[in-house]
Amino acid sequence: MGASDSVEPPRTPEAQAKLDKWLEGRVAGEPKTCVKTEIVTSAIGIDDRTMLFRDSPRIWRTELRASLQCGQLGKQATIHTESAASRVCSGQQLEFSDGGIDGACVFGDFTPYTKSK
């Protein structure tokens, strides 16, 4: 197996349960490269691979390209993005500070999840 064949480590049971809870009853839509900046203010850290954002009635999911403490991101975090526009895109960085924990994440594409009908 070469370096390009790396396999993601399994998600912890706690992180998987948290992800399942947030996405329960929802269906994935078409991934987007960019989303409105406002949605990143409601970030939910699942683990160092996955982050969710609430945007009623949708929940957006991004698989992170890089992560430093992103699974620790909480509701009271102060969030900063690189974007000067009104949107954030895949490949851009989010930095946060949350009760003594500082971290940074690089976004992947954003997949919307909506309630199934």
C-alpha atoms as a PDB file:
ATOM      1  CA  MET A   1       0.000   0.000   0.000  1.00  0.00           C
ATOM      2  CA  GLY A   2       1.510   3.340  -1.076  1.00  0.00           C
ATOM      3  CA  ALA A   3       1.215   6.727   0.623  1.00  0.00           C
ATOM      4  CA  SER A   4      -1.595   7.727  -1.745  1.00  0.00           C
ATOM      5  CA  ASP A   5      -3.597   4.674  -0.640  1.00  0.00           C
ATOM      6  CA  SER A   6      -4.007   5.859   2.948  1.00  0.00           C
ATOM      7  CA  VAL A   7      -7.237   4.894   4.674  1.00  0.00           C
ATOM      8  CA  GLU A   8      -9.054   7.224   7.052  1.00  0.00           C
ATOM      9  CA  PRO A   9      -9.012   5.953  10.638  1.00  0.00           C
ATOM     10  CA  PRO A  10     -12.423   4.858  11.873  1.00  0.00           C
ATOM     11  CA  ARG A  11     -14.580   7.494  13.546  1.00  0.00           C
ATOM     12  CA  THR A  12     -14.919   7.075  17.320  1.00  0.00           C
ATOM     13  CA  PRO A  13     -18.271   5.686  18.499  1.00  0.00           C
ATOM     14  CA  GLU A  14     -18.977   9.024  20.235  1.00  0.00           C
ATOM     15  CA  ALA A  15     -18.292  11.050  17.086  1.00  0.00           C
ATOM     16  CA  GLN A  16     -20.353   8.664  14.945  1.00  0.00           C
ATOM     17  CA  ALA A  17     -23.278   8.894  17.379  1.00  0.00           C
ATOM     18  CA  LYS A  18     -23.074  12.710  17.316  1.00  0.00           C
ATOM     19  CA  LEU A  19     -22.993  12.761  13.502  1.00  0.00           C
ATOM     20  CA  ASP A  20     -25.900  10.291  13.272  1.00  0.00           C
ATOM     21  CA  LYS A  21     -27.960  12.365  15.704  1.00  0.00           C
ATOM     22  CA  TRP A  22     -27.538  15.574  13.676  1.00  0.00           C
ATOM     23  CA  LEU A  23     -28.202  13.931  10.296  1.00  0.00           C
ATOM     24  CA  GLU A  24     -31.010  11.585  11.365  1.00  0.00           C
ATOM     25  CA  GLY A  25     -33.975  11.791   9.002  1.00  0.00           C
ATOM     26  CA  ARG A  26     -32.071  13.970   6.526  1.00  0.00           C
ATOM     27  CA  VAL A  27     -31.091  13.338   2.923  1.00  0.00           C
ATOM     28  CA  ALA A  28     -27.848  14.532   1.311  1.00  0.00           C
ATOM     29  CA  GLY A  29     -28.135  16.981  -1.563  1.00  0.00           C
ATOM     30  CA  GLU A  30     -25.690  18.045  -4.258  1.00  0.00           C
ATOM     31  CA  PRO A  31     -22.331  19.191  -2.802  1.00  0.00           C
ATOM     32  CA  LYS A  32     -21.455  22.869  -3.217  1.00  0.00           C
ATOM     33  CA  THR A  33     -18.012  24.433  -3.472  1.00  0.00           C
ATOM     34  CA  CYS A  34     -19.053  27.627  -1.628  1.00  0.00           C
ATOM     35  CA  VAL A  35     -21.699  28.637   0.939  1.00  0.00           C
ATOM     36  CA  LYS A  36     -22.768  31.906   2.556  1.00  0.00           C
ATOM     37  CA  THR A  37     -20.440  33.099   5.297  1.00  0.00           C
ATOM     38  CA  GLU A  38     -23.293  33.295   7.824  1.00  0.00           C
ATOM     39  CA  ILE A  39     -23.606  29.526   8.090  1.00  0.00           C
ATOM     40  CA  VAL A  40     -20.113  29.042   9.516  1.00  0.00           C
ATOM     41  CA  THR A  41     -21.098  30.937  12.666  1.00  0.00           C
ATOM     42  CA  SER A  42     -23.229  27.945  13.676  1.00  0.00           C
ATOM     43  CA  ALA A  43     -20.443  25.365  13.447  1.00  0.00           C
ATOM     44  CA  ILE A  44     -20.652  21.969  15.137  1.00  0.00           C
ATOM     45  CA  GLY A  45     -17.381  20.056  15.500  1.00  0.00           C
ATOM     46  CA  ILE A  46     -17.946  16.325  15.092  1.00  0.00           C
ATOM     47  CA  ASP A  47     -14.310  15.245  15.042  1.00  0.00           C
ATOM     48  CA  ASP A  48     -11.103  16.319  13.332  1.00  0.00           C
ATOM     49  CA  ARG A  49     -12.482  15.112   9.983  1.00  0.00           C
ATOM     50  CA  THR A  50     -16.050  16.403   9.907  1.00  0.00           C
ATOM     51  CA  MET A  51     -17.809  19.654  10.707  1.00  0.00           C
ATOM     52  CA  LEU A  52     -21.496  20.539  10.454  1.00  0.00           C
ATOM     53  CA  PHE A  53     -23.232  23.921  10.141  1.00  0.00           C
ATOM     54  CA  ARG A  54     -26.863  24.675  10.955  1.00  0.00           C
ATOM     55  CA  ASP A  55     -28.774  26.753   8.433  1.00  0.00           C
ATOM     56  CA  SER A  56     -32.462  26.074   9.026  1.00  0.00           C
ATOM     57  CA  PRO A  57     -33.873  23.982   7.580  1.00  0.00           C
ATOM     58  CA  ARG A  58     -30.579  22.572   6.270  1.00  0.00           C
ATOM     59  CA  ILE A  59     -27.521  21.153   7.923  1.00  0.00           C
ATOM     60  CA  TRP A  60     -24.337  21.468   5.883  1.00  0.00           C
ATOM     61  CA  ARG A  61     -21.552  18.893   6.192  1.00  0.00           C
ATOM     62  CA  THR A  62     -17.929  19.367   5.217  1.00  0.00           C
ATOM     63  CA  GLU A  63     -15.193  16.779   5.304  1.00  0.00           C
ATOM     64  CA  LEU A  64     -12.153  18.748   6.397  1.00  0.00           C
ATOM     65  CA  ARG A  65      -8.985  18.771   4.288  1.00  0.00           C
ATOM     66  CA  ALA A  66      -6.905  19.669   7.347  1.00  0.00           C
ATOM     67  CA  SER A  67      -7.752  20.035  11.018  1.00  0.00           C
ATOM     68  CA  LEU A  68      -6.213  21.184  14.267  1.00  0.00           C
ATOM     69  CA  GLN A  69      -8.611  20.660  17.201  1.00  0.00           C
ATOM     70  CA  CYS A  70     -11.722  21.066  14.976  1.00  0.00           C
ATOM     71  CA  GLY A  71     -13.541  18.311  16.831  1.00  0.00           C
ATOM     72  CA  GLN A  72     -13.333  20.514  19.937  1.00  0.00           C
ATOM     73  CA  LEU A  73     -15.271  23.393  18.350  1.00  0.00           C
ATOM     74  CA  GLY A  74     -18.204  24.332  20.594  1.00  0.00           C
ATOM     75  CA  LYS A  75     -21.212  26.644  20.543  1.00  0.00           C
ATOM     76  CA  GLN A  76     -19.403  29.484  22.329  1.00  0.00           C
ATOM     77  CA  ALA A  77     -16.435  29.583  19.936  1.00  0.00           C
ATOM     78  CA  THR A  78     -15.216  32.789  18.351  1.00  0.00           C
ATOM     79  CA  ILE A  79     -14.843  32.023  14.643  1.00  0.00           C
ATOM     80  CA  HIS A  80     -12.749  33.752  11.971  1.00  0.00           C
ATOM     81  CA  THR A  81     -12.557  32.935   8.255  1.00  0.00           C
ATOM     82  CA  GLU A  82     -10.197  34.025   5.479  1.00  0.00           C
ATOM     83  CA  SER A  83     -13.087  35.175   3.309  1.00  0.00           C
ATOM     84  CA  ALA A  84     -13.483  38.862   2.524  1.00  0.00           C
ATOM     85  CA  ALA A  85     -16.525  38.056   0.368  1.00  0.00           C
ATOM     86  CA  SER A  86     -19.944  36.982   1.577  1.00  0.00           C
ATOM     87  CA  ARG A  87     -19.094  33.307   1.075  1.00  0.00           C
ATOM     88  CA  VAL A  88     -16.602  30.683   2.146  1.00  0.00           C
ATOM     89  CA  CYS A  89     -15.336  28.013  -0.207  1.00  0.00           C
ATOM     90  CA  SER A  90     -13.677  24.631  -0.223  1.00  0.00           C
ATOM     91  CA  GLY A  91      -9.974  25.047   0.533  1.00  0.00           C
ATOM     92  CA  GLN A  92     -10.455  28.108   2.754  1.00  0.00           C
ATOM     93  CA  GLN A  93      -9.501  28.126   6.419  1.00  0.00           C
ATOM     94  CA  LEU A  94     -11.570  28.687   9.543  1.00  0.00           C
ATOM     95  CA  GLU A  95      -9.812  29.615  12.782  1.00  0.00           C
ATOM     96  CA  PHE A  96     -11.464  29.514  16.194  1.00  0.00           C
ATOM     97  CA  SER A  97     -10.929  30.108  19.861  1.00  0.00           C
ATOM     98  CA  ASP A  98     -13.150  28.339  22.367  1.00  0.00           C
ATOM     99  CA  GLY A  99     -12.473  28.508  26.093  1.00  0.00           C
ATOM    100  CA  GLY A 100      -8.716  28.193  25.869  1.00  0.00           C
ATOM    101  CA  ILE A 101      -8.729  25.845  22.870  1.00  0.00           C
ATOM    102  CA  ASP A 102      -7.445  27.368  19.639  1.00  0.00           C
ATOM    103  CA  GLY A 103      -7.825  25.546  16.350  1.00  0.00           C
ATOM    104  CA  ALA A 104      -7.957  25.778  12.592  1.00  0.00           C
ATOM    105  CA  CYS A 105      -9.763  23.815   9.889  1.00  0.00           C
ATOM    106  CA  VAL A 106      -9.563  23.762   6.096  1.00  0.00           C
ATOM    107  CA  PHE A 107     -12.954  23.190   4.457  1.00  0.00           C
ATOM    108  CA  GLY A 108     -13.785  20.549   1.891  1.00  0.00           C
ATOM    109  CA  ASP A 109     -16.937  20.784  -0.246  1.00  0.00           C
ATOM    110  CA  PHE A 110     -20.213  21.521   1.546  1.00  0.00           C
ATOM    111  CA  THR A 111     -23.042  18.979   1.323  1.00  0.00           C
ATOM    112  CA  PRO A 112     -26.556  20.115   2.331  1.00  0.00           C
ATOM    113  CA  TYR A 113     -28.778  17.733   4.289  1.00  0.00           C
ATOM    114  CA  THR A 114     -32.522  18.388   4.380  1.00  0.00           C
ATOM    115  CA  LYS A 115     -35.378  16.592   6.110  1.00  0.00           C
ATOM    116  CA  SER A 116     -36.788  13.777   3.991  1.00  0.00           C
ATOM    117  CA  LYS A 117     -40.417  14.231   2.998  1.00  0.00           C
END
